[in-house]
Structure formats: C-alpha cells, structure tokens
Amino acid sequence: MAFPNPSTVSIGLKKAAHVGIAVSDLDRSVAFYQALLGAEPVVRDESMHGAGFAQSQGLPTTKLRYATFNLDNLGIDLIQFQEPVGDAAQVAANRPGSMHLCFHVDDVRAVYDRMSEAGFDFLGQPYTFASGEVEPPAAVGTEVAYFNDPDGTNLEIIAPKGGFARSE
C-alpha cells in the first residue's frame, strides 16, 4: 500500500470526533463503560445497515448495533457487528495495528485503587516514569496504569507530565 509523501501533502486534520471500538456483546460492553465512565450512553442499541454502508466499510454486507458515550473531548462508539460477525482481534500493546484508548486522570493511584476495589482488573501495578526512562526529561513523573475492556481493547489511565501533557 502506497502512502502520500508528507513533505508534499498535508491534509491538516486537527480534531478527533470519536473512537469506534468493535465489541462482541454490546450490552456487556455498555455496562462496562457505564461503570468506567460514570455516565449513560447518549444513544444505546441503535442500528446501522445497508449495502452502501457495507461498501464504505469494505464489507459485503453490514448490520450492526451501537451505543455512544460522550466524554468532554471525545465520543466512544461501541459497535457490535451482527452481520458479518468478525473474529476476535489478537490485540496486545506490542502488536502492530493494536490501539489503546487513554483516559486523563489527576491521580493514577487513587483511580487505580478505586477501580480495583470496584472489580476492574489491571495488567500490572501503576508505573511512574523515572529519569533516564523517557524523553523528553520533562515527562519524568508521568504515571500510568493499563487494563482491558471485556473484548481485550487496551485501555490506559494517565497522569501526564511534560511531553505527555496536552495543552487544553
């Protein structure tokens, strides 16, 4: 697959609208994200289908159910494909094509403890980047913790510093 040369093309996309996450069981995933986000979906158990939509997805046919959560700065669409049903992805942090969704928090340890008490399973303990482990050096002190949703989508909480912090 050929890609445009960035020295000659700059599309200039600047703002994300939403992230779509394919799920195997919409109801289970809605319950998980409701607990995680502390919010109800803005739409729930809606549907999409049709030949034109399928073609836009590169699929022969498409029928799906979806729900949408709105964060302050991003939408999360949970999508259950009913036709065609896909195989589960083999996702992991180091697998090309895998993605993760990161949530900004002020205190990783406090959120980690609260989530753990509520039954969320983490991949490991929270971690704070030390000097010599991350560039730029201003990012030292950034704290992270990782977990998965019911279908294995990689999720992260972060209290960013320096180069990991975003200006609002």
N, C-alpha and C. Protein backbone atom coordinates (compact mmCIF):
# COMPACT_ATOMS: atom_id res chain seq x y z
N MET A 1 0.84 -1.17 0.00
CA MET A 1 0.00 0.00 0.00
C MET A 1 0.90 1.24 0.00
N ALA A 2 0.67 2.12 -0.93
CA ALA A 2 1.44 3.35 -1.02
C ALA A 2 0.75 4.45 -0.21
N PHE A 3 1.55 5.29 0.40
CA PHE A 3 1.03 6.41 1.18
C PHE A 3 1.56 7.72 0.61
N PRO A 4 0.79 8.80 0.76
CA PRO A 4 1.27 10.10 0.27
C PRO A 4 2.56 10.51 0.98
N ASN A 5 3.37 11.25 0.29
CA ASN A 5 4.60 11.78 0.85
C ASN A 5 4.27 12.97 1.74
N PRO A 6 4.57 12.90 3.06
CA PRO A 6 4.20 14.01 3.95
C PRO A 6 4.92 15.32 3.63
N SER A 7 6.01 15.26 2.87
CA SER A 7 6.68 16.51 2.51
C SER A 7 5.95 17.23 1.38
N THR A 8 5.02 16.54 0.71
CA THR A 8 4.27 17.17 -0.38
C THR A 8 2.78 17.28 -0.10
N VAL A 9 2.28 16.56 0.91
CA VAL A 9 0.86 16.57 1.23
C VAL A 9 0.68 16.79 2.72
N SER A 10 -0.19 17.73 3.07
CA SER A 10 -0.55 17.94 4.47
C SER A 10 -2.05 18.16 4.53
N ILE A 11 -2.77 17.14 4.92
CA ILE A 11 -4.22 17.25 4.98
C ILE A 11 -4.63 18.18 6.11
N GLY A 12 -3.97 18.08 7.26
CA GLY A 12 -4.21 19.02 8.34
C GLY A 12 -5.37 18.70 9.27
N LEU A 13 -5.69 17.43 9.46
CA LEU A 13 -6.75 17.08 10.41
C LEU A 13 -6.31 17.47 11.82
N LYS A 14 -7.19 18.13 12.57
CA LYS A 14 -6.80 18.67 13.88
C LYS A 14 -7.67 18.24 15.05
N LYS A 15 -8.82 17.64 14.78
CA LYS A 15 -9.74 17.36 15.88
C LYS A 15 -10.38 15.99 15.69
N ALA A 16 -10.32 15.16 16.73
CA ALA A 16 -10.95 13.85 16.68
C ALA A 16 -12.43 13.98 17.05
N ALA A 17 -13.28 13.20 16.41
CA ALA A 17 -14.71 13.20 16.72
C ALA A 17 -15.05 12.06 17.67
N HIS A 18 -14.59 10.86 17.35
CA HIS A 18 -14.87 9.71 18.19
C HIS A 18 -13.88 8.60 17.89
N VAL A 19 -13.86 7.61 18.76
CA VAL A 19 -13.14 6.38 18.53
C VAL A 19 -14.18 5.27 18.51
N GLY A 20 -14.08 4.37 17.56
CA GLY A 20 -15.01 3.25 17.46
C GLY A 20 -14.33 1.98 17.95
N ILE A 21 -15.02 1.25 18.79
CA ILE A 21 -14.49 0.01 19.36
C ILE A 21 -15.44 -1.12 19.02
N ALA A 22 -14.97 -2.10 18.24
CA ALA A 22 -15.79 -3.26 17.91
C ALA A 22 -15.88 -4.16 19.15
N VAL A 23 -17.10 -4.58 19.48
CA VAL A 23 -17.34 -5.40 20.66
C VAL A 23 -18.13 -6.64 20.27
N SER A 24 -18.02 -7.69 21.09
CA SER A 24 -18.75 -8.93 20.79
C SER A 24 -20.14 -8.94 21.41
N ASP A 25 -20.34 -8.18 22.48
CA ASP A 25 -21.62 -8.15 23.19
C ASP A 25 -21.88 -6.71 23.62
N LEU A 26 -22.74 -6.02 22.90
CA LEU A 26 -22.97 -4.60 23.15
C LEU A 26 -23.46 -4.35 24.57
N ASP A 27 -24.38 -5.16 25.05
CA ASP A 27 -24.94 -4.92 26.38
C ASP A 27 -23.87 -5.05 27.47
N ARG A 28 -23.01 -6.06 27.36
CA ARG A 28 -21.92 -6.25 28.33
C ARG A 28 -20.96 -5.07 28.27
N SER A 29 -20.61 -4.63 27.07
CA SER A 29 -19.67 -3.52 26.91
C SER A 29 -20.27 -2.20 27.40
N VAL A 30 -21.56 -1.97 27.15
CA VAL A 30 -22.20 -0.76 27.65
C VAL A 30 -22.12 -0.75 29.18
N ALA A 31 -22.41 -1.88 29.82
CA ALA A 31 -22.33 -1.94 31.29
C ALA A 31 -20.92 -1.64 31.78
N PHE A 32 -19.90 -2.19 31.11
CA PHE A 32 -18.51 -1.94 31.49
C PHE A 32 -18.17 -0.46 31.38
N TYR A 33 -18.49 0.16 30.23
CA TYR A 33 -18.14 1.56 30.02
C TYR A 33 -19.00 2.49 30.88
N GLN A 34 -20.24 2.10 31.20
CA GLN A 34 -21.04 2.89 32.14
C GLN A 34 -20.35 2.94 33.50
N ALA A 35 -19.88 1.80 33.97
CA ALA A 35 -19.18 1.75 35.26
C ALA A 35 -17.88 2.54 35.19
N LEU A 36 -17.15 2.41 34.10
CA LEU A 36 -15.87 3.09 33.94
C LEU A 36 -16.04 4.61 33.86
N LEU A 37 -17.00 5.06 33.08
CA LEU A 37 -17.16 6.49 32.80
C LEU A 37 -18.11 7.19 33.77
N GLY A 38 -18.94 6.40 34.46
CA GLY A 38 -19.91 7.02 35.35
C GLY A 38 -20.96 7.81 34.59
N ALA A 39 -21.31 7.35 33.41
CA ALA A 39 -22.27 8.07 32.57
C ALA A 39 -23.09 7.08 31.76
N GLU A 40 -24.26 7.53 31.37
CA GLU A 40 -25.12 6.76 30.48
C GLU A 40 -24.72 7.06 29.04
N PRO A 41 -24.90 6.10 28.13
CA PRO A 41 -24.65 6.41 26.72
C PRO A 41 -25.68 7.43 26.22
N VAL A 42 -25.24 8.27 25.27
CA VAL A 42 -26.16 9.25 24.69
C VAL A 42 -27.09 8.59 23.68
N VAL A 43 -26.65 7.51 23.07
CA VAL A 43 -27.52 6.62 22.28
C VAL A 43 -27.18 5.20 22.67
N ARG A 44 -28.20 4.34 22.61
CA ARG A 44 -27.99 2.96 23.05
C ARG A 44 -28.85 2.04 22.19
N ASP A 45 -28.26 0.98 21.74
CA ASP A 45 -28.96 -0.04 20.96
C ASP A 45 -29.57 0.53 19.68
N GLU A 46 -28.81 1.42 19.03
CA GLU A 46 -29.19 1.91 17.72
C GLU A 46 -28.65 0.94 16.67
N SER A 47 -29.04 1.12 15.41
CA SER A 47 -28.58 0.18 14.38
C SER A 47 -28.17 0.92 13.12
N MET A 48 -27.33 0.25 12.35
CA MET A 48 -26.93 0.70 11.01
C MET A 48 -26.89 -0.53 10.12
N HIS A 49 -27.26 -0.34 8.87
CA HIS A 49 -27.20 -1.45 7.91
C HIS A 49 -27.37 -0.88 6.51
N GLY A 50 -27.17 -1.72 5.52
CA GLY A 50 -27.39 -1.32 4.14
C GLY A 50 -26.17 -1.54 3.27
N ALA A 51 -26.44 -1.73 1.98
CA ALA A 51 -25.39 -2.05 1.01
C ALA A 51 -24.37 -0.92 0.89
N GLY A 52 -24.83 0.32 0.84
CA GLY A 52 -23.89 1.45 0.70
C GLY A 52 -23.00 1.58 1.92
N PHE A 53 -23.58 1.42 3.11
CA PHE A 53 -22.79 1.48 4.33
C PHE A 53 -21.79 0.34 4.37
N ALA A 54 -22.23 -0.87 3.98
CA ALA A 54 -21.32 -2.02 3.94
C ALA A 54 -20.14 -1.73 3.02
N GLN A 55 -20.42 -1.17 1.85
CA GLN A 55 -19.36 -0.87 0.89
C GLN A 55 -18.37 0.14 1.48
N SER A 56 -18.88 1.13 2.22
CA SER A 56 -17.99 2.13 2.81
C SER A 56 -17.07 1.51 3.86
N GLN A 57 -17.48 0.37 4.42
CA GLN A 57 -16.70 -0.35 5.42
C GLN A 57 -15.80 -1.42 4.78
N GLY A 58 -15.92 -1.60 3.47
CA GLY A 58 -15.15 -2.64 2.79
C GLY A 58 -15.68 -4.04 3.09
N LEU A 59 -16.98 -4.14 3.38
CA LEU A 59 -17.60 -5.42 3.72
C LEU A 59 -18.70 -5.74 2.72
N PRO A 60 -19.02 -7.03 2.53
CA PRO A 60 -20.07 -7.40 1.57
C PRO A 60 -21.47 -7.03 2.05
N THR A 61 -21.68 -7.06 3.36
CA THR A 61 -22.95 -6.70 3.97
C THR A 61 -22.65 -6.15 5.35
N THR A 62 -23.55 -5.38 5.89
CA THR A 62 -23.33 -4.85 7.23
C THR A 62 -24.65 -4.68 7.95
N LYS A 63 -24.68 -5.19 9.16
CA LYS A 63 -25.78 -4.94 10.09
C LYS A 63 -25.12 -4.85 11.46
N LEU A 64 -25.36 -3.75 12.16
CA LEU A 64 -24.72 -3.60 13.46
C LEU A 64 -25.61 -2.87 14.44
N ARG A 65 -25.30 -3.09 15.73
CA ARG A 65 -25.89 -2.35 16.85
C ARG A 65 -24.77 -1.50 17.43
N TYR A 66 -25.16 -0.32 17.95
CA TYR A 66 -24.12 0.51 18.55
C TYR A 66 -24.67 1.36 19.69
N ALA A 67 -23.75 1.83 20.50
CA ALA A 67 -24.04 2.78 21.57
C ALA A 67 -22.92 3.81 21.57
N THR A 68 -23.22 5.02 22.01
CA THR A 68 -22.23 6.09 22.03
C THR A 68 -22.19 6.75 23.40
N PHE A 69 -20.98 6.90 23.90
CA PHE A 69 -20.72 7.68 25.12
C PHE A 69 -19.99 8.94 24.69
N ASN A 70 -20.31 10.06 25.29
CA ASN A 70 -19.59 11.30 25.01
C ASN A 70 -18.79 11.72 26.24
N LEU A 71 -17.48 11.82 26.05
CA LEU A 71 -16.62 12.42 27.05
C LEU A 71 -16.59 13.92 26.78
N ASP A 72 -15.89 14.67 27.61
CA ASP A 72 -15.79 16.11 27.36
C ASP A 72 -15.12 16.42 26.03
N ASN A 73 -14.20 15.56 25.59
CA ASN A 73 -13.41 15.86 24.40
C ASN A 73 -13.43 14.78 23.33
N LEU A 74 -14.21 13.73 23.50
CA LEU A 74 -14.18 12.62 22.53
C LEU A 74 -15.41 11.74 22.71
N GLY A 75 -15.93 11.23 21.61
CA GLY A 75 -17.00 10.24 21.66
C GLY A 75 -16.42 8.84 21.60
N ILE A 76 -17.09 7.90 22.24
CA ILE A 76 -16.71 6.49 22.19
C ILE A 76 -17.90 5.73 21.63
N ASP A 77 -17.75 5.16 20.44
CA ASP A 77 -18.78 4.33 19.84
C ASP A 77 -18.44 2.87 20.11
N LEU A 78 -19.36 2.15 20.71
CA LEU A 78 -19.24 0.71 20.90
C LEU A 78 -20.09 0.06 19.82
N ILE A 79 -19.48 -0.82 19.02
CA ILE A 79 -20.13 -1.33 17.82
C ILE A 79 -20.11 -2.86 17.82
N GLN A 80 -21.30 -3.45 17.79
CA GLN A 80 -21.42 -4.90 17.69
C GLN A 80 -21.89 -5.26 16.28
N PHE A 81 -21.00 -5.85 15.50
CA PHE A 81 -21.36 -6.29 14.16
C PHE A 81 -22.17 -7.57 14.26
N GLN A 82 -23.41 -7.53 13.75
CA GLN A 82 -24.25 -8.71 13.72
C GLN A 82 -24.11 -9.45 12.40
N GLU A 83 -23.81 -8.69 11.33
CA GLU A 83 -23.54 -9.26 10.01
C GLU A 83 -22.51 -8.38 9.32
N PRO A 84 -21.41 -8.89 8.92
CA PRO A 84 -20.87 -10.19 9.29
C PRO A 84 -20.24 -10.12 10.68
N VAL A 85 -20.36 -11.21 11.43
CA VAL A 85 -19.71 -11.29 12.73
C VAL A 85 -18.24 -11.57 12.48
N GLY A 86 -17.38 -10.79 13.09
CA GLY A 86 -15.94 -10.95 12.88
C GLY A 86 -15.31 -11.80 13.96
N ASP A 87 -14.11 -12.26 13.67
CA ASP A 87 -13.30 -12.98 14.65
C ASP A 87 -12.69 -11.98 15.62
N ALA A 88 -12.47 -12.41 16.84
CA ALA A 88 -11.84 -11.55 17.84
C ALA A 88 -10.43 -11.20 17.39
N ALA A 89 -10.06 -9.94 17.57
CA ALA A 89 -8.70 -9.49 17.25
C ALA A 89 -7.72 -10.03 18.28
N GLN A 90 -6.50 -10.24 17.87
CA GLN A 90 -5.44 -10.65 18.78
C GLN A 90 -4.66 -9.39 19.16
N VAL A 91 -5.23 -8.62 20.08
CA VAL A 91 -4.63 -7.33 20.44
C VAL A 91 -3.65 -7.49 21.59
N ALA A 92 -2.65 -6.68 21.58
CA ALA A 92 -1.67 -6.55 22.67
C ALA A 92 -0.91 -5.27 22.40
N ALA A 93 -0.33 -4.72 23.44
CA ALA A 93 0.35 -3.44 23.31
C ALA A 93 1.41 -3.44 22.21
N ASN A 94 2.05 -4.58 21.98
CA ASN A 94 3.15 -4.64 21.01
C ASN A 94 2.74 -5.16 19.64
N ARG A 95 1.47 -5.37 19.39
CA ARG A 95 1.03 -5.89 18.09
C ARG A 95 0.67 -4.74 17.15
N PRO A 96 1.35 -4.67 16.00
CA PRO A 96 1.01 -3.62 15.03
C PRO A 96 -0.49 -3.65 14.70
N GLY A 97 -1.07 -2.50 14.65
CA GLY A 97 -2.49 -2.37 14.39
C GLY A 97 -3.33 -2.28 15.65
N SER A 98 -2.77 -2.71 16.78
CA SER A 98 -3.48 -2.56 18.04
C SER A 98 -3.46 -1.09 18.43
N MET A 99 -4.50 -0.68 19.10
CA MET A 99 -4.57 0.70 19.58
C MET A 99 -4.86 0.67 21.06
N HIS A 100 -4.75 1.83 21.69
CA HIS A 100 -5.25 1.93 23.05
C HIS A 100 -5.94 3.27 23.22
N LEU A 101 -6.85 3.29 24.15
CA LEU A 101 -7.59 4.49 24.49
C LEU A 101 -7.14 4.90 25.88
N CYS A 102 -6.70 6.13 26.02
CA CYS A 102 -6.11 6.62 27.26
C CYS A 102 -7.01 7.67 27.90
N PHE A 103 -7.23 7.52 29.20
CA PHE A 103 -8.06 8.46 29.97
C PHE A 103 -7.17 9.28 30.89
N HIS A 104 -7.30 10.60 30.83
CA HIS A 104 -6.54 11.52 31.67
C HIS A 104 -7.15 11.54 33.07
N VAL A 105 -6.32 11.36 34.08
CA VAL A 105 -6.75 11.47 35.48
C VAL A 105 -5.73 12.33 36.22
N ASP A 106 -6.12 12.87 37.35
CA ASP A 106 -5.19 13.67 38.14
C ASP A 106 -4.32 12.82 39.05
N ASP A 107 -4.84 11.68 39.50
CA ASP A 107 -4.14 10.83 40.46
C ASP A 107 -4.33 9.37 40.08
N VAL A 108 -3.34 8.80 39.40
CA VAL A 108 -3.46 7.42 38.91
C VAL A 108 -3.68 6.45 40.07
N ARG A 109 -2.91 6.57 41.12
CA ARG A 109 -3.01 5.63 42.24
C ARG A 109 -4.42 5.65 42.84
N ALA A 110 -4.99 6.82 43.05
CA ALA A 110 -6.33 6.92 43.63
C ALA A 110 -7.37 6.28 42.70
N VAL A 111 -7.26 6.55 41.40
CA VAL A 111 -8.22 5.98 40.44
C VAL A 111 -8.00 4.47 40.34
N TYR A 112 -6.74 4.04 40.30
CA TYR A 112 -6.41 2.61 40.26
C TYR A 112 -7.02 1.89 41.47
N ASP A 113 -6.83 2.45 42.66
CA ASP A 113 -7.36 1.82 43.87
C ASP A 113 -8.88 1.73 43.82
N ARG A 114 -9.52 2.81 43.40
CA ARG A 114 -10.98 2.82 43.32
C ARG A 114 -11.48 1.81 42.29
N MET A 115 -10.82 1.77 41.13
CA MET A 115 -11.22 0.82 40.09
C MET A 115 -10.98 -0.61 40.54
N SER A 116 -9.85 -0.87 41.19
CA SER A 116 -9.55 -2.23 41.68
C SER A 116 -10.60 -2.68 42.69
N GLU A 117 -10.95 -1.80 43.60
CA GLU A 117 -11.98 -2.12 44.60
C GLU A 117 -13.32 -2.41 43.95
N ALA A 118 -13.59 -1.76 42.81
CA ALA A 118 -14.85 -1.96 42.09
C ALA A 118 -14.84 -3.21 41.22
N GLY A 119 -13.67 -3.87 41.09
CA GLY A 119 -13.61 -5.12 40.32
C GLY A 119 -12.95 -5.02 38.97
N PHE A 120 -12.39 -3.87 38.61
CA PHE A 120 -11.65 -3.76 37.35
C PHE A 120 -10.30 -4.46 37.54
N ASP A 121 -9.88 -5.21 36.53
CA ASP A 121 -8.60 -5.92 36.56
C ASP A 121 -7.57 -5.16 35.75
N PHE A 122 -6.42 -4.90 36.35
CA PHE A 122 -5.33 -4.21 35.67
C PHE A 122 -4.29 -5.22 35.20
N LEU A 123 -3.53 -4.84 34.18
CA LEU A 123 -2.49 -5.70 33.65
C LEU A 123 -1.27 -5.72 34.56
N GLY A 124 -1.10 -4.69 35.38
CA GLY A 124 0.01 -4.58 36.31
C GLY A 124 -0.25 -3.42 37.24
N GLN A 125 0.70 -3.17 38.12
CA GLN A 125 0.61 -2.05 39.05
C GLN A 125 0.83 -0.73 38.31
N PRO A 126 0.36 0.38 38.87
CA PRO A 126 0.67 1.69 38.28
C PRO A 126 2.19 1.88 38.20
N TYR A 127 2.61 2.63 37.20
CA TYR A 127 4.04 2.86 36.99
C TYR A 127 4.31 4.34 36.79
N THR A 128 5.37 4.83 37.41
CA THR A 128 5.80 6.21 37.25
C THR A 128 7.14 6.23 36.52
N PHE A 129 7.21 6.95 35.39
CA PHE A 129 8.45 7.03 34.62
C PHE A 129 9.53 7.77 35.41
N ALA A 130 10.71 7.18 35.47
CA ALA A 130 11.84 7.73 36.20
C ALA A 130 12.83 8.37 35.23
N SER A 131 13.75 9.11 35.77
CA SER A 131 14.80 9.77 34.97
C SER A 131 15.57 8.72 34.17
N GLY A 132 15.81 9.02 32.90
CA GLY A 132 16.54 8.12 32.02
C GLY A 132 15.66 7.11 31.30
N GLU A 133 14.35 7.04 31.63
CA GLU A 133 13.45 6.08 31.00
C GLU A 133 12.57 6.68 29.92
N VAL A 134 12.51 7.99 29.85
CA VAL A 134 11.58 8.63 28.94
C VAL A 134 12.17 9.95 28.44
N GLU A 135 11.89 10.25 27.20
CA GLU A 135 12.27 11.54 26.61
C GLU A 135 10.99 12.24 26.20
N PRO A 136 10.86 13.51 26.37
CA PRO A 136 11.83 14.42 26.95
C PRO A 136 11.87 14.27 28.47
N PRO A 137 12.94 14.73 29.09
CA PRO A 137 13.08 14.60 30.53
C PRO A 137 11.92 15.23 31.32
N ALA A 138 11.24 16.22 30.75
CA ALA A 138 10.10 16.84 31.44
C ALA A 138 8.95 15.87 31.66
N ALA A 139 8.94 14.75 30.92
CA ALA A 139 7.88 13.75 31.08
C ALA A 139 8.12 12.84 32.28
N VAL A 140 9.30 12.92 32.90
CA VAL A 140 9.58 12.14 34.10
C VAL A 140 8.52 12.47 35.14
N GLY A 141 8.03 11.45 35.81
CA GLY A 141 6.97 11.63 36.80
C GLY A 141 5.59 11.30 36.26
N THR A 142 5.46 11.10 34.94
CA THR A 142 4.19 10.67 34.37
C THR A 142 3.86 9.30 34.94
N GLU A 143 2.62 9.14 35.39
CA GLU A 143 2.19 7.86 35.96
C GLU A 143 1.12 7.24 35.07
N VAL A 144 1.19 5.92 34.89
CA VAL A 144 0.27 5.20 34.01
C VAL A 144 -0.16 3.88 34.65
N ALA A 145 -1.30 3.37 34.21
CA ALA A 145 -1.75 2.02 34.54
C ALA A 145 -2.61 1.54 33.37
N TYR A 146 -2.53 0.24 33.08
CA TYR A 146 -3.18 -0.32 31.90
C TYR A 146 -4.16 -1.42 32.29
N PHE A 147 -5.25 -1.50 31.52
CA PHE A 147 -6.27 -2.52 31.73
C PHE A 147 -6.98 -2.77 30.41
N ASN A 148 -7.86 -3.75 30.36
CA ASN A 148 -8.58 -4.09 29.13
C ASN A 148 -10.08 -4.04 29.36
N ASP A 149 -10.81 -3.78 28.27
CA ASP A 149 -12.26 -3.90 28.35
C ASP A 149 -12.63 -5.37 28.14
N PRO A 150 -13.92 -5.73 28.17
CA PRO A 150 -14.30 -7.15 28.08
C PRO A 150 -13.83 -7.87 26.81
N ASP A 151 -13.57 -7.13 25.73
CA ASP A 151 -13.10 -7.75 24.49
C ASP A 151 -11.60 -7.63 24.30
N GLY A 152 -10.90 -7.10 25.30
CA GLY A 152 -9.45 -7.02 25.22
C GLY A 152 -8.91 -5.71 24.67
N THR A 153 -9.78 -4.72 24.42
CA THR A 153 -9.29 -3.42 23.96
C THR A 153 -8.38 -2.84 25.03
N ASN A 154 -7.21 -2.39 24.61
CA ASN A 154 -6.23 -1.82 25.54
C ASN A 154 -6.70 -0.45 26.02
N LEU A 155 -6.74 -0.27 27.33
CA LEU A 155 -7.14 0.99 27.95
C LEU A 155 -6.06 1.43 28.93
N GLU A 156 -5.96 2.73 29.14
CA GLU A 156 -4.92 3.29 29.99
C GLU A 156 -5.49 4.45 30.79
N ILE A 157 -4.99 4.61 32.01
CA ILE A 157 -5.19 5.85 32.74
C ILE A 157 -3.82 6.50 32.88
N ILE A 158 -3.78 7.83 32.80
CA ILE A 158 -2.50 8.53 32.82
C ILE A 158 -2.66 9.86 33.58
N ALA A 159 -1.66 10.15 34.38
CA ALA A 159 -1.48 11.48 34.99
C ALA A 159 -0.24 12.02 34.32
N PRO A 160 -0.39 12.76 33.22
CA PRO A 160 0.75 13.13 32.38
C PRO A 160 1.57 14.29 32.93
N LYS A 161 2.84 14.27 32.58
CA LYS A 161 3.77 15.36 32.90
C LYS A 161 4.51 15.72 31.62
N GLY A 162 5.01 16.93 31.56
CA GLY A 162 5.88 17.37 30.47
C GLY A 162 5.37 17.03 29.09
N GLY A 163 6.17 16.26 28.35
CA GLY A 163 5.85 15.92 26.97
C GLY A 163 4.60 15.10 26.77
N PHE A 164 4.13 14.45 27.84
CA PHE A 164 2.89 13.68 27.72
C PHE A 164 1.65 14.53 28.00
N ALA A 165 1.85 15.69 28.59
CA ALA A 165 0.72 16.57 28.92
C ALA A 165 0.27 17.31 27.69
N ARG A 166 -1.02 17.47 27.56
CA ARG A 166 -1.60 18.22 26.44
C ARG A 166 -2.04 19.58 26.93
N SER A 167 -1.83 20.57 26.12
CA SER A 167 -2.38 21.88 26.47
C SER A 167 -3.85 21.89 26.06
N GLU A 168 -4.66 22.45 26.87
CA GLU A 168 -6.12 22.45 26.60
C GLU A 168 -6.50 23.66 25.80
